[in-house]
Amino acid sequence: MNNWVVAPLLIPLFTAVILIFLHNKLKLQRWISLISSMLNVCVAIYLMVQVRTTGIQTLNMSGWAPPYGIVLVADMFAVLLVLAASIVSACCLLYSFRGIDEERERHYFYTLVHFMLAGVNGSFLTGDLFNLFVCFELMLMSSYALIVLGGTKRQFRETLHYILINVLSSTLFVASVAYLYGATGTLNLAHLSMRIAESGQTGPITVVSALLLVVFSVKAGLFLFFWLPGSYGAPPAAISALFGALLTKVGMYALIRTFTLIFYHEVQVTHMLIGTMAVATIILGGFGAVSQTNVNRILGYNVIASIGFISLALAVSNHDALQGAVFYLVHDMIVKALLFLLAGILVAETGTERVNRMGGVLSHSPLLGWMFLIASLAVVGIPPLSGFPGKLLIIQGSIEDGQYILAAAGVILTLMLLYSLIKIFILGFWGKARRPREAHWKQSRKLLLSSAPLMMLIIFMGVFAEPVMPYVQRAADILTDPSIYIQAVFKE
């Protein structure tokens, strides 16, 4: 057992509790938040090295052996996502020091962010289904408060949609967990995998898997995404970046984990359904991104379309595709956060979210323009940026499995996303400036500094993909062979 496994959950949790009592001391809140987030990054790196050198790390809470007690499991897949989430949250917090107004800061902004991060990391690390639900709810409760923080009319409207759909999906989640426990007598993920493998994935179990597919699809924005573009565009850029980078990825993680570890026996039903939903999400998300003129809604539909693309790999579920899914998932967390942060600066400088009312930003903010272009090219998978290796592996895996329609959908999506993002670049950064806001130019330079680490990461992951691949391959090995995960949990 390794006690460090619980640290990525406890650090933001304790930080959030401390910050509750410091809501009027803004400078102290900022320093504590920054130190906490950097400490979380360091712990995530340490865990990744531990997993790389000694294998999967586990922690049985209170000494109760699985499947009876709560177990936390840090395999390479979970640790990579914890590291990406920690880096993204640190950069978003740095951005928020100047990108969030003091009124929001005083109303527990930093507290809510750390509570949400605790829920996100807990979701990645938990080894049982019920605690996945608990961590989901911690994450969602924090996001409810963050999305409405500021109290604008638009935020209230989108909050109603967001809360309603998530409350309904959470209710269905609890019901599915209850049915699954009644059928198998356990909620430990490794034990569930063993029980279902022994008894077979019967009809009732397949129905429960379909219910969980609906639940996680709502969380991830897979096909059931109608609530997402408006909700993610309503709050300030720092919050939108956190939502776009983290929340949907937790749902995607839950889908990949459950349908590679537990419900992998009736692929002709479950995985065919996932593939159908993935293609539909790609088509609808792609057309949504192309048709919009609002910057934040374009990025919202980009989030949706990327979830559809990652789901292609889950539908195929061979080693190459899952390896690509892990790489692309980490890349997408980083690049979506970067795009939302850069879009926030663009909107602040032009005074509008409509791309057809922008123009000329490149003349006075060239660094912002070129950073946005590089991030856009990374999204669509142009080499040598970080989107290319993952996208190539997913399409290659689809072709190897004979899923040519899925591969074609991935290629078509690339062109649609390229068009939607280049539209922002051409209309927003070229031409004559229509809304000069000189007071924001100096401010934007400081905001760009907080986005720079994310920009360096997407370049590093593309140019130096080879040293990153062993970590990604280790994660894919676990996803394609559930026995590795099971043996790690029950080895004590």
Protein backbone atom coordinates (compact mmCIF):
# COMPACT_ATOMS: atom_id res chain seq x y z
CA MET A 1 0.00 0.00 0.00
CA ASN A 2 1.07 3.56 -0.71
CA ASN A 3 -0.34 6.39 1.40
CA TRP A 4 0.59 8.94 -1.25
CA VAL A 5 -2.26 7.65 -3.42
CA VAL A 6 -4.79 9.66 -1.39
CA ALA A 7 -2.73 12.88 -1.52
CA PRO A 8 -4.15 14.25 -4.82
CA LEU A 9 -7.59 14.08 -3.20
CA LEU A 10 -6.67 15.32 0.28
CA ILE A 11 -4.50 18.29 -0.74
CA PRO A 12 -7.26 20.21 -2.60
CA LEU A 13 -9.85 19.06 -0.03
CA PHE A 14 -7.92 20.47 2.94
CA THR A 15 -7.03 23.58 0.93
CA ALA A 16 -10.71 24.21 0.20
CA VAL A 17 -11.62 23.91 3.89
CA ILE A 18 -8.85 26.32 4.92
CA LEU A 19 -9.87 28.87 2.27
CA ILE A 20 -13.45 28.96 3.58
CA PHE A 21 -12.17 30.96 6.57
CA LEU A 22 -10.07 33.34 4.44
CA HIS A 23 -12.66 34.56 1.94
CA ASN A 24 -11.88 38.26 2.55
CA LYS A 25 -8.08 37.86 2.39
CA LEU A 26 -7.60 37.67 -1.35
CA LYS A 27 -3.80 37.74 -1.53
CA LEU A 28 -3.51 34.99 1.05
CA GLN A 29 -6.12 32.93 -0.82
CA ARG A 30 -4.15 33.28 -4.03
CA TRP A 31 -0.87 32.24 -2.47
CA ILE A 32 -2.39 29.24 -0.69
CA SER A 33 -4.19 28.17 -3.87
CA LEU A 34 -1.03 28.46 -5.94
CA ILE A 35 1.11 26.54 -3.42
CA SER A 36 -1.55 23.84 -3.11
CA SER A 37 -1.90 23.41 -6.87
CA MET A 38 1.87 23.20 -7.39
CA LEU A 39 2.13 20.66 -4.58
CA ASN A 40 -0.57 18.61 -6.29
CA VAL A 41 1.43 18.64 -9.53
CA CYS A 42 4.54 17.43 -7.67
CA VAL A 43 2.61 14.62 -5.95
CA ALA A 44 1.10 13.54 -9.29
CA ILE A 45 4.57 13.40 -10.88
CA TYR A 46 5.87 11.37 -7.92
CA LEU A 47 2.98 8.90 -8.23
CA MET A 48 3.55 8.60 -11.98
CA VAL A 49 7.22 7.71 -11.38
CA GLN A 50 6.19 5.21 -8.68
CA VAL A 51 3.71 3.52 -11.01
CA ARG A 52 6.30 3.47 -13.79
CA THR A 53 8.99 1.84 -11.62
CA THR A 54 7.07 -0.42 -9.20
CA GLY A 55 3.65 -0.94 -10.79
CA ILE A 56 0.11 -0.01 -9.81
CA GLN A 57 -0.15 1.68 -6.39
CA THR A 58 -3.12 0.95 -4.11
CA LEU A 59 -4.37 2.16 -0.74
CA ASN A 60 -6.92 0.29 1.39
CA MET A 61 -8.57 2.97 3.50
CA SER A 62 -8.59 2.18 7.27
CA GLY A 63 -6.84 -1.10 6.53
CA TRP A 64 -9.99 -2.82 5.22
CA ALA A 65 -9.02 -5.25 2.47
CA PRO A 66 -10.96 -5.15 -0.80
CA PRO A 67 -13.71 -5.74 -1.68
CA TYR A 68 -15.05 -4.82 1.78
CA GLY A 69 -13.37 -1.46 2.28
CA ILE A 70 -12.76 1.66 0.22
CA VAL A 71 -9.77 1.20 -2.07
CA LEU A 72 -7.91 3.83 -4.09
CA VAL A 73 -6.05 2.63 -7.17
CA ALA A 74 -3.36 4.63 -8.96
CA ASP A 75 -2.64 2.89 -12.24
CA MET A 76 -0.92 4.68 -15.11
CA PHE A 77 -4.20 5.69 -16.76
CA ALA A 78 -5.51 7.35 -13.59
CA VAL A 79 -2.18 8.98 -12.70
CA LEU A 80 -1.74 10.54 -16.15
CA LEU A 81 -5.18 12.13 -15.89
CA VAL A 82 -4.51 13.31 -12.32
CA LEU A 83 -1.29 14.94 -13.51
CA ALA A 84 -3.02 16.61 -16.46
CA ALA A 85 -5.86 17.83 -14.22
CA SER A 86 -3.39 19.22 -11.68
CA ILE A 87 -1.42 21.10 -14.34
CA VAL A 88 -4.56 22.51 -15.94
CA SER A 89 -6.01 23.63 -12.61
CA ALA A 90 -2.73 25.31 -11.63
CA CYS A 91 -2.65 27.30 -14.89
CA CYS A 92 -6.34 28.23 -14.59
CA LEU A 93 -5.77 29.45 -11.03
CA LEU A 94 -2.84 31.59 -12.20
CA TYR A 95 -5.04 33.00 -14.94
CA SER A 96 -7.83 33.72 -12.46
CA PHE A 97 -5.60 35.97 -10.33
CA ARG A 98 -6.15 38.62 -13.01
CA GLY A 99 -8.99 37.12 -15.01
CA ILE A 100 -11.58 36.83 -12.21
CA ASP A 101 -13.05 39.92 -10.54
CA GLU A 102 -12.60 40.42 -6.80
CA GLU A 103 -16.31 40.00 -6.10
CA ARG A 104 -16.21 36.41 -7.35
CA GLU A 105 -12.95 35.79 -5.50
CA ARG A 106 -14.55 36.88 -2.23
CA HIS A 107 -17.51 34.57 -2.79
CA TYR A 108 -15.43 31.40 -2.39
CA PHE A 109 -14.16 31.02 -5.96
CA TYR A 110 -10.88 29.39 -4.87
CA THR A 111 -12.66 27.20 -2.32
CA LEU A 112 -15.02 25.88 -4.98
CA VAL A 113 -12.21 25.23 -7.46
CA HIS A 114 -10.31 23.12 -4.93
CA PHE A 115 -13.45 21.19 -3.96
CA MET A 116 -14.04 20.49 -7.64
CA LEU A 117 -10.45 19.35 -8.13
CA ALA A 118 -10.80 16.99 -5.16
CA GLY A 119 -13.86 15.47 -6.85
CA VAL A 120 -12.06 15.17 -10.18
CA ASN A 121 -8.96 13.49 -8.70
CA GLY A 122 -11.09 11.27 -6.49
CA SER A 123 -13.04 10.09 -9.54
CA PHE A 124 -9.82 9.12 -11.29
CA LEU A 125 -8.36 7.29 -8.28
CA THR A 126 -11.34 5.53 -6.69
CA GLY A 127 -11.53 1.77 -6.99
CA ASP A 128 -15.26 1.28 -6.41
CA LEU A 129 -18.41 2.42 -8.14
CA PHE A 130 -20.18 4.03 -5.19
CA ASN A 131 -17.25 6.28 -4.34
CA LEU A 132 -17.09 7.21 -8.01
CA PHE A 133 -20.64 8.51 -7.53
CA VAL A 134 -19.59 10.38 -4.36
CA CYS A 135 -16.65 12.05 -6.12
CA PHE A 136 -18.88 12.87 -9.10
CA GLU A 137 -21.28 14.65 -6.78
CA LEU A 138 -18.51 16.59 -5.02
CA MET A 139 -17.28 17.73 -8.42
CA LEU A 140 -20.78 18.60 -9.66
CA MET A 141 -21.88 20.45 -6.52
CA SER A 142 -18.82 22.67 -6.83
CA SER A 143 -19.46 23.22 -10.53
CA TYR A 144 -23.08 24.24 -9.82
CA ALA A 145 -21.80 27.04 -7.60
CA LEU A 146 -19.02 28.04 -10.00
CA ILE A 147 -21.30 28.29 -13.02
CA VAL A 148 -23.70 30.66 -11.21
CA LEU A 149 -20.98 32.64 -9.39
CA GLY A 150 -21.45 36.26 -10.45
CA GLY A 151 -25.22 36.09 -10.76
CA THR A 152 -25.74 37.29 -14.34
CA LYS A 153 -29.03 36.51 -16.08
CA ARG A 154 -27.27 34.32 -18.63
CA GLN A 155 -25.55 32.34 -15.88
CA PHE A 156 -28.83 31.72 -14.05
CA ARG A 157 -30.50 30.51 -17.24
CA GLU A 158 -27.72 28.08 -18.13
CA THR A 159 -27.38 26.93 -14.51
CA LEU A 160 -30.98 25.69 -14.54
CA HIS A 161 -30.30 23.52 -17.59
CA TYR A 162 -27.00 22.29 -16.16
CA ILE A 163 -28.35 21.38 -12.72
CA LEU A 164 -31.53 19.75 -14.03
CA ILE A 165 -29.81 17.38 -16.44
CA ASN A 166 -27.09 16.45 -13.94
CA VAL A 167 -29.57 15.82 -11.11
CA LEU A 168 -31.54 13.47 -13.37
CA SER A 169 -28.38 11.64 -14.48
CA SER A 170 -27.18 11.36 -10.86
CA THR A 171 -30.51 9.82 -9.88
CA LEU A 172 -30.13 7.28 -12.66
CA PHE A 173 -26.54 6.66 -11.51
CA VAL A 174 -27.70 5.76 -7.98
CA ALA A 175 -30.41 3.47 -9.35
CA SER A 176 -27.91 1.72 -11.64
CA VAL A 177 -25.47 1.23 -8.76
CA ALA A 178 -28.26 -0.28 -6.65
CA TYR A 179 -29.29 -2.69 -9.41
CA LEU A 180 -25.68 -3.71 -10.00
CA TYR A 181 -25.08 -4.33 -6.29
CA GLY A 182 -28.26 -6.38 -6.09
CA ALA A 183 -27.12 -8.51 -9.02
CA THR A 184 -23.46 -9.00 -8.07
CA GLY A 185 -23.19 -8.26 -4.33
CA THR A 186 -20.23 -5.90 -4.77
CA LEU A 187 -19.31 -2.43 -6.05
CA ASN A 188 -15.53 -2.77 -6.04
CA LEU A 189 -14.47 -2.34 -9.67
CA ALA A 190 -11.96 -5.19 -9.67
CA HIS A 191 -14.38 -7.49 -7.84
CA LEU A 192 -17.19 -6.54 -10.25
CA SER A 193 -14.93 -7.51 -13.13
CA MET A 194 -14.25 -10.90 -11.55
CA ARG A 195 -17.90 -11.58 -10.66
CA ILE A 196 -19.24 -10.71 -14.11
CA ALA A 197 -16.46 -12.68 -15.83
CA GLU A 198 -17.35 -15.74 -13.72
CA SER A 199 -21.14 -15.57 -14.13
CA GLY A 200 -21.24 -14.05 -17.60
CA GLN A 201 -22.68 -10.73 -18.67
CA THR A 202 -26.32 -11.73 -18.53
CA GLY A 203 -29.24 -9.74 -19.90
CA PRO A 204 -29.94 -7.79 -16.68
CA ILE A 205 -26.25 -6.91 -16.34
CA THR A 206 -26.20 -5.68 -19.93
CA VAL A 207 -29.25 -3.50 -19.19
CA VAL A 208 -27.44 -2.01 -16.18
CA SER A 209 -24.39 -1.37 -18.38
CA ALA A 210 -26.66 0.48 -20.83
CA LEU A 211 -28.01 2.62 -17.96
CA LEU A 212 -24.48 3.47 -16.86
CA LEU A 213 -23.63 4.25 -20.46
CA VAL A 214 -26.43 6.82 -20.48
CA VAL A 215 -25.26 8.28 -17.14
CA PHE A 216 -21.62 8.62 -18.13
CA SER A 217 -22.55 9.85 -21.60
CA VAL A 218 -24.49 12.73 -20.05
CA LYS A 219 -21.51 13.59 -17.85
CA ALA A 220 -19.10 13.36 -20.78
CA GLY A 221 -21.29 15.08 -23.37
CA LEU A 222 -21.42 11.97 -25.57
CA PHE A 223 -24.50 12.36 -27.80
CA LEU A 224 -26.60 13.71 -24.87
CA PHE A 225 -24.87 17.08 -24.98
CA PHE A 226 -27.60 19.65 -25.60
CA TRP A 227 -26.91 21.31 -22.23
CA LEU A 228 -23.16 21.73 -22.71
CA PRO A 229 -22.36 24.58 -25.17
CA GLY A 230 -24.44 27.19 -23.36
CA SER A 231 -23.43 26.08 -19.86
CA TYR A 232 -19.70 26.09 -20.58
CA GLY A 233 -19.86 29.50 -22.25
CA ALA A 234 -21.73 31.32 -19.48
CA PRO A 235 -19.09 31.72 -16.72
CA PRO A 236 -15.76 33.61 -17.03
CA ALA A 237 -12.92 32.13 -19.08
CA ALA A 238 -11.02 30.59 -16.14
CA ILE A 239 -14.11 28.63 -15.07
CA SER A 240 -15.02 27.67 -18.65
CA ALA A 241 -11.47 26.36 -19.12
CA LEU A 242 -11.77 24.18 -16.03
CA PHE A 243 -15.15 22.86 -17.17
CA GLY A 244 -14.06 22.17 -20.74
CA ALA A 245 -10.81 20.52 -19.67
CA LEU A 246 -11.92 18.48 -16.66
CA LEU A 247 -15.65 17.80 -16.26
CA THR A 248 -16.36 16.02 -19.53
CA LYS A 249 -13.08 14.09 -19.21
CA VAL A 250 -14.18 12.61 -15.89
CA GLY A 251 -17.26 11.23 -17.64
CA MET A 252 -15.06 9.94 -20.46
CA TYR A 253 -12.72 8.31 -17.95
CA ALA A 254 -15.68 6.57 -16.29
CA LEU A 255 -16.85 5.25 -19.66
CA ILE A 256 -13.42 3.90 -20.58
CA ARG A 257 -12.79 2.39 -17.15
CA THR A 258 -16.14 0.59 -16.81
CA PHE A 259 -16.37 -0.65 -20.41
CA THR A 260 -12.81 -2.00 -20.49
CA LEU A 261 -12.72 -3.42 -16.95
CA ILE A 262 -16.30 -4.58 -16.26
CA PHE A 263 -18.67 -4.55 -19.26
CA TYR A 264 -16.48 -5.89 -22.05
CA HIS A 265 -18.17 -9.25 -22.65
CA GLU A 266 -21.09 -8.20 -24.89
CA VAL A 267 -19.25 -5.85 -27.24
CA GLN A 268 -21.75 -6.50 -30.03
CA VAL A 269 -24.29 -4.63 -27.88
CA THR A 270 -22.47 -2.14 -25.68
CA HIS A 271 -19.56 -1.19 -27.90
CA MET A 272 -21.70 -1.06 -31.03
CA LEU A 273 -23.94 1.40 -29.19
CA ILE A 274 -20.90 3.44 -28.10
CA GLY A 275 -19.65 3.54 -31.70
CA THR A 276 -23.04 4.72 -32.98
CA MET A 277 -23.20 7.44 -30.31
CA ALA A 278 -19.62 8.44 -31.10
CA VAL A 279 -20.30 8.94 -34.81
CA ALA A 280 -23.50 10.88 -34.05
CA THR A 281 -21.63 13.07 -31.58
CA ILE A 282 -18.87 13.74 -34.11
CA ILE A 283 -21.37 14.74 -36.80
CA LEU A 284 -23.56 16.90 -34.56
CA GLY A 285 -20.64 18.43 -32.67
CA GLY A 286 -18.76 19.14 -35.89
CA PHE A 287 -21.73 20.82 -37.58
CA GLY A 288 -22.42 22.76 -34.38
CA ALA A 289 -18.85 24.08 -34.32
CA VAL A 290 -18.94 25.02 -38.00
CA SER A 291 -22.32 26.80 -37.83
CA GLN A 292 -21.71 28.95 -34.72
CA THR A 293 -20.42 32.53 -34.66
CA ASN A 294 -20.09 32.79 -30.87
CA VAL A 295 -16.50 32.00 -29.81
CA ASN A 296 -17.41 30.18 -26.60
CA ARG A 297 -20.12 28.11 -28.28
CA ILE A 298 -17.67 27.12 -31.04
CA LEU A 299 -15.26 25.89 -28.39
CA GLY A 300 -18.13 24.15 -26.56
CA TYR A 301 -18.99 22.17 -29.68
CA ASN A 302 -15.27 21.41 -30.12
CA VAL A 303 -15.33 19.82 -26.66
CA ILE A 304 -18.34 17.71 -27.69
CA ALA A 305 -16.81 16.61 -30.98
CA SER A 306 -13.54 15.61 -29.27
CA ILE A 307 -15.47 13.44 -26.81
CA GLY A 308 -17.05 11.71 -29.80
CA PHE A 309 -13.62 11.13 -31.31
CA ILE A 310 -12.18 9.62 -28.12
CA SER A 311 -15.26 7.37 -27.91
CA LEU A 312 -14.34 5.89 -31.29
CA ALA A 313 -11.35 4.29 -29.58
CA LEU A 314 -13.57 2.80 -26.88
CA ALA A 315 -15.89 1.37 -29.53
CA VAL A 316 -12.92 -0.33 -31.19
CA SER A 317 -11.10 -1.22 -27.93
CA ASN A 318 -7.94 -2.69 -29.43
CA HIS A 319 -4.50 -1.77 -28.07
CA ASP A 320 -3.63 0.90 -30.65
CA ALA A 321 -7.00 2.63 -30.32
CA LEU A 322 -6.93 2.67 -26.51
CA GLN A 323 -3.32 3.86 -26.52
CA GLY A 324 -4.43 6.69 -28.79
CA ALA A 325 -7.41 7.41 -26.52
CA VAL A 326 -5.16 7.84 -23.46
CA PHE A 327 -2.74 10.11 -25.31
CA TYR A 328 -5.52 12.14 -26.91
CA LEU A 329 -7.44 12.43 -23.63
CA VAL A 330 -4.42 13.98 -21.87
CA HIS A 331 -3.79 16.22 -24.87
CA ASP A 332 -7.41 17.30 -25.03
CA MET A 333 -7.50 18.29 -21.36
CA ILE A 334 -4.51 20.57 -21.89
CA VAL A 335 -5.43 22.06 -25.27
CA LYS A 336 -9.10 22.74 -24.43
CA ALA A 337 -8.08 24.61 -21.28
CA LEU A 338 -5.62 26.63 -23.35
CA LEU A 339 -8.20 27.49 -26.01
CA PHE A 340 -10.78 28.67 -23.48
CA LEU A 341 -8.19 30.82 -21.70
CA LEU A 342 -7.02 32.38 -24.97
CA ALA A 343 -10.63 32.92 -26.06
CA GLY A 344 -11.24 34.74 -22.79
CA ILE A 345 -8.42 37.16 -23.59
CA LEU A 346 -9.73 37.59 -27.15
CA VAL A 347 -13.23 38.43 -25.90
CA ALA A 348 -11.83 40.86 -23.31
CA GLU A 349 -9.83 42.69 -25.97
CA THR A 350 -12.64 42.93 -28.53
CA GLY A 351 -15.58 43.37 -26.17
CA THR A 352 -17.72 40.76 -27.95
CA GLU A 353 -18.08 36.98 -28.25
CA ARG A 354 -19.22 37.20 -31.89
CA VAL A 355 -16.40 36.46 -34.34
CA ASN A 356 -18.11 38.49 -37.09
CA ARG A 357 -17.82 41.58 -34.88
CA MET A 358 -14.12 41.13 -34.13
CA GLY A 359 -11.04 41.84 -36.20
CA GLY A 360 -7.52 43.18 -36.16
CA VAL A 361 -6.41 41.73 -32.84
CA LEU A 362 -3.23 40.34 -34.40
CA SER A 363 -1.93 43.86 -35.02
CA HIS A 364 -1.65 44.70 -31.32
CA SER A 365 -1.59 41.20 -29.73
CA PRO A 366 0.47 39.03 -32.11
CA LEU A 367 1.48 36.57 -29.39
CA LEU A 368 -2.17 35.88 -28.55
CA GLY A 369 -2.93 35.29 -32.23
CA TRP A 370 -0.11 32.87 -32.88
CA MET A 371 -0.73 30.98 -29.64
CA PHE A 372 -4.38 30.57 -30.65
CA LEU A 373 -3.34 29.32 -34.10
CA ILE A 374 -0.89 26.77 -32.68
CA ALA A 375 -3.51 25.52 -30.20
CA SER A 376 -6.05 25.23 -33.03
CA LEU A 377 -3.64 23.19 -35.14
CA ALA A 378 -2.96 20.96 -32.14
CA VAL A 379 -6.70 20.28 -31.76
CA VAL A 380 -7.02 19.02 -35.31
CA GLY A 381 -3.87 16.91 -35.07
CA ILE A 382 -1.36 18.73 -37.26
CA PRO A 383 2.17 17.35 -36.65
CA PRO A 384 4.39 17.91 -34.76
CA LEU A 385 1.87 19.04 -32.13
CA SER A 386 0.29 16.94 -29.37
CA GLY A 387 -2.95 16.10 -31.18
CA PHE A 388 -1.21 14.11 -33.91
CA PRO A 389 0.03 10.92 -32.15
CA GLY A 390 -3.25 10.19 -30.38
CA LYS A 391 -5.37 10.90 -33.43
CA LEU A 392 -3.13 8.74 -35.63
CA LEU A 393 -3.31 5.79 -33.21
CA ILE A 394 -7.11 5.97 -32.91
CA ILE A 395 -7.61 6.05 -36.69
CA GLN A 396 -4.99 3.33 -37.16
CA GLY A 397 -6.69 1.14 -34.55
CA SER A 398 -10.06 1.66 -36.24
CA ILE A 399 -8.69 0.64 -39.63
CA GLU A 400 -6.94 -2.44 -38.17
CA ASP A 401 -10.26 -3.55 -36.66
CA GLY A 402 -12.06 -3.03 -39.96
CA GLN A 403 -14.10 -0.10 -38.62
CA TYR A 404 -13.69 2.07 -41.71
CA ILE A 405 -16.78 4.17 -41.00
CA LEU A 406 -15.39 5.13 -37.60
CA ALA A 407 -12.02 6.00 -39.12
CA ALA A 408 -13.69 8.09 -41.84
CA ALA A 409 -15.73 9.93 -39.20
CA GLY A 410 -12.50 10.81 -37.39
CA VAL A 411 -10.93 12.19 -40.56
CA ILE A 412 -14.03 14.24 -41.45
CA LEU A 413 -14.13 15.64 -37.92
CA THR A 414 -10.56 16.89 -38.35
CA LEU A 415 -11.60 19.02 -41.32
CA MET A 416 -14.68 20.40 -39.58
CA LEU A 417 -12.80 21.39 -36.44
CA LEU A 418 -10.05 22.96 -38.54
CA TYR A 419 -12.62 25.09 -40.33
CA SER A 420 -14.35 26.18 -37.11
CA LEU A 421 -11.13 27.25 -35.37
CA ILE A 422 -9.50 28.86 -38.40
CA LYS A 423 -12.71 30.88 -38.78
CA ILE A 424 -12.05 32.38 -35.34
CA PHE A 425 -8.43 33.10 -36.27
CA ILE A 426 -9.26 34.78 -39.58
CA LEU A 427 -12.24 36.83 -38.42
CA GLY A 428 -10.90 37.62 -34.96
CA PHE A 429 -7.24 38.33 -35.60
CA TRP A 430 -7.01 39.55 -39.19
CA GLY A 431 -8.41 42.69 -40.78
CA LYS A 432 -9.17 46.05 -39.23
CA ALA A 433 -9.84 46.35 -35.51
CA ARG A 434 -13.53 47.07 -34.99
CA ARG A 435 -13.57 47.40 -31.20
CA PRO A 436 -10.28 48.77 -29.88
CA ARG A 437 -9.98 48.19 -26.13
CA GLU A 438 -6.49 49.44 -25.36
CA ALA A 439 -6.93 49.15 -21.60
CA HIS A 440 -7.00 45.35 -21.94
CA TRP A 441 -3.82 45.00 -24.03
CA LYS A 442 -1.36 45.21 -21.14
CA GLN A 443 -3.57 42.99 -19.00
CA SER A 444 -3.64 40.32 -21.72
CA ARG A 445 0.14 39.98 -21.68
CA LYS A 446 0.03 38.96 -18.03
CA LEU A 447 -2.81 36.53 -18.71
CA LEU A 448 -0.81 34.98 -21.55
CA LEU A 449 1.97 34.11 -19.12
CA SER A 450 -0.39 31.82 -17.20
CA SER A 451 -1.32 30.09 -20.47
CA ALA A 452 2.30 29.62 -21.58
CA PRO A 453 2.92 26.33 -19.68
CA LEU A 454 -0.04 24.73 -21.48
CA MET A 455 1.30 25.94 -24.83
CA MET A 456 4.73 24.46 -24.06
CA LEU A 457 3.14 21.16 -23.09
CA ILE A 458 1.23 20.69 -26.36
CA ILE A 459 4.46 21.36 -28.27
CA PHE A 460 6.49 19.06 -26.01
CA MET A 461 3.97 16.20 -26.24
CA GLY A 462 4.08 16.41 -30.01
CA VAL A 463 7.79 16.92 -30.63
CA PHE A 464 8.89 14.52 -27.87
CA ALA A 465 6.08 11.98 -28.20
CA GLU A 466 8.51 9.05 -28.13
CA PRO A 467 9.55 9.40 -24.44
CA VAL A 468 5.88 9.97 -23.50
CA MET A 469 4.68 6.83 -25.27
CA PRO A 470 5.95 4.25 -22.72
CA TYR A 471 3.69 5.82 -20.08
CA VAL A 472 0.73 5.83 -22.44
CA GLN A 473 1.44 2.27 -23.53
CA ARG A 474 1.51 1.14 -19.88
CA ALA A 475 -1.94 2.67 -19.43
CA ALA A 476 -3.24 0.95 -22.58
CA ASP A 477 -1.86 -2.41 -21.38
CA ILE A 478 -4.06 -2.17 -18.27
CA LEU A 479 -7.13 -1.20 -20.31
CA THR A 480 -6.73 -4.13 -22.70
CA ASP A 481 -5.93 -6.68 -19.95
CA PRO A 482 -8.24 -6.32 -16.90
CA SER A 483 -6.31 -9.01 -15.01
CA ILE A 484 -3.45 -6.55 -14.42
CA TYR A 485 -5.80 -4.19 -12.56
CA ILE A 486 -7.48 -7.03 -10.65
CA GLN A 487 -4.19 -8.55 -9.48
CA ALA A 488 -2.95 -5.16 -8.31
CA VAL A 489 -6.06 -4.58 -6.19
CA PHE A 490 -6.14 -8.03 -4.59
CA LYS A 491 -2.40 -8.55 -4.19
CA GLU A 492 -2.35 -7.44 -0.52
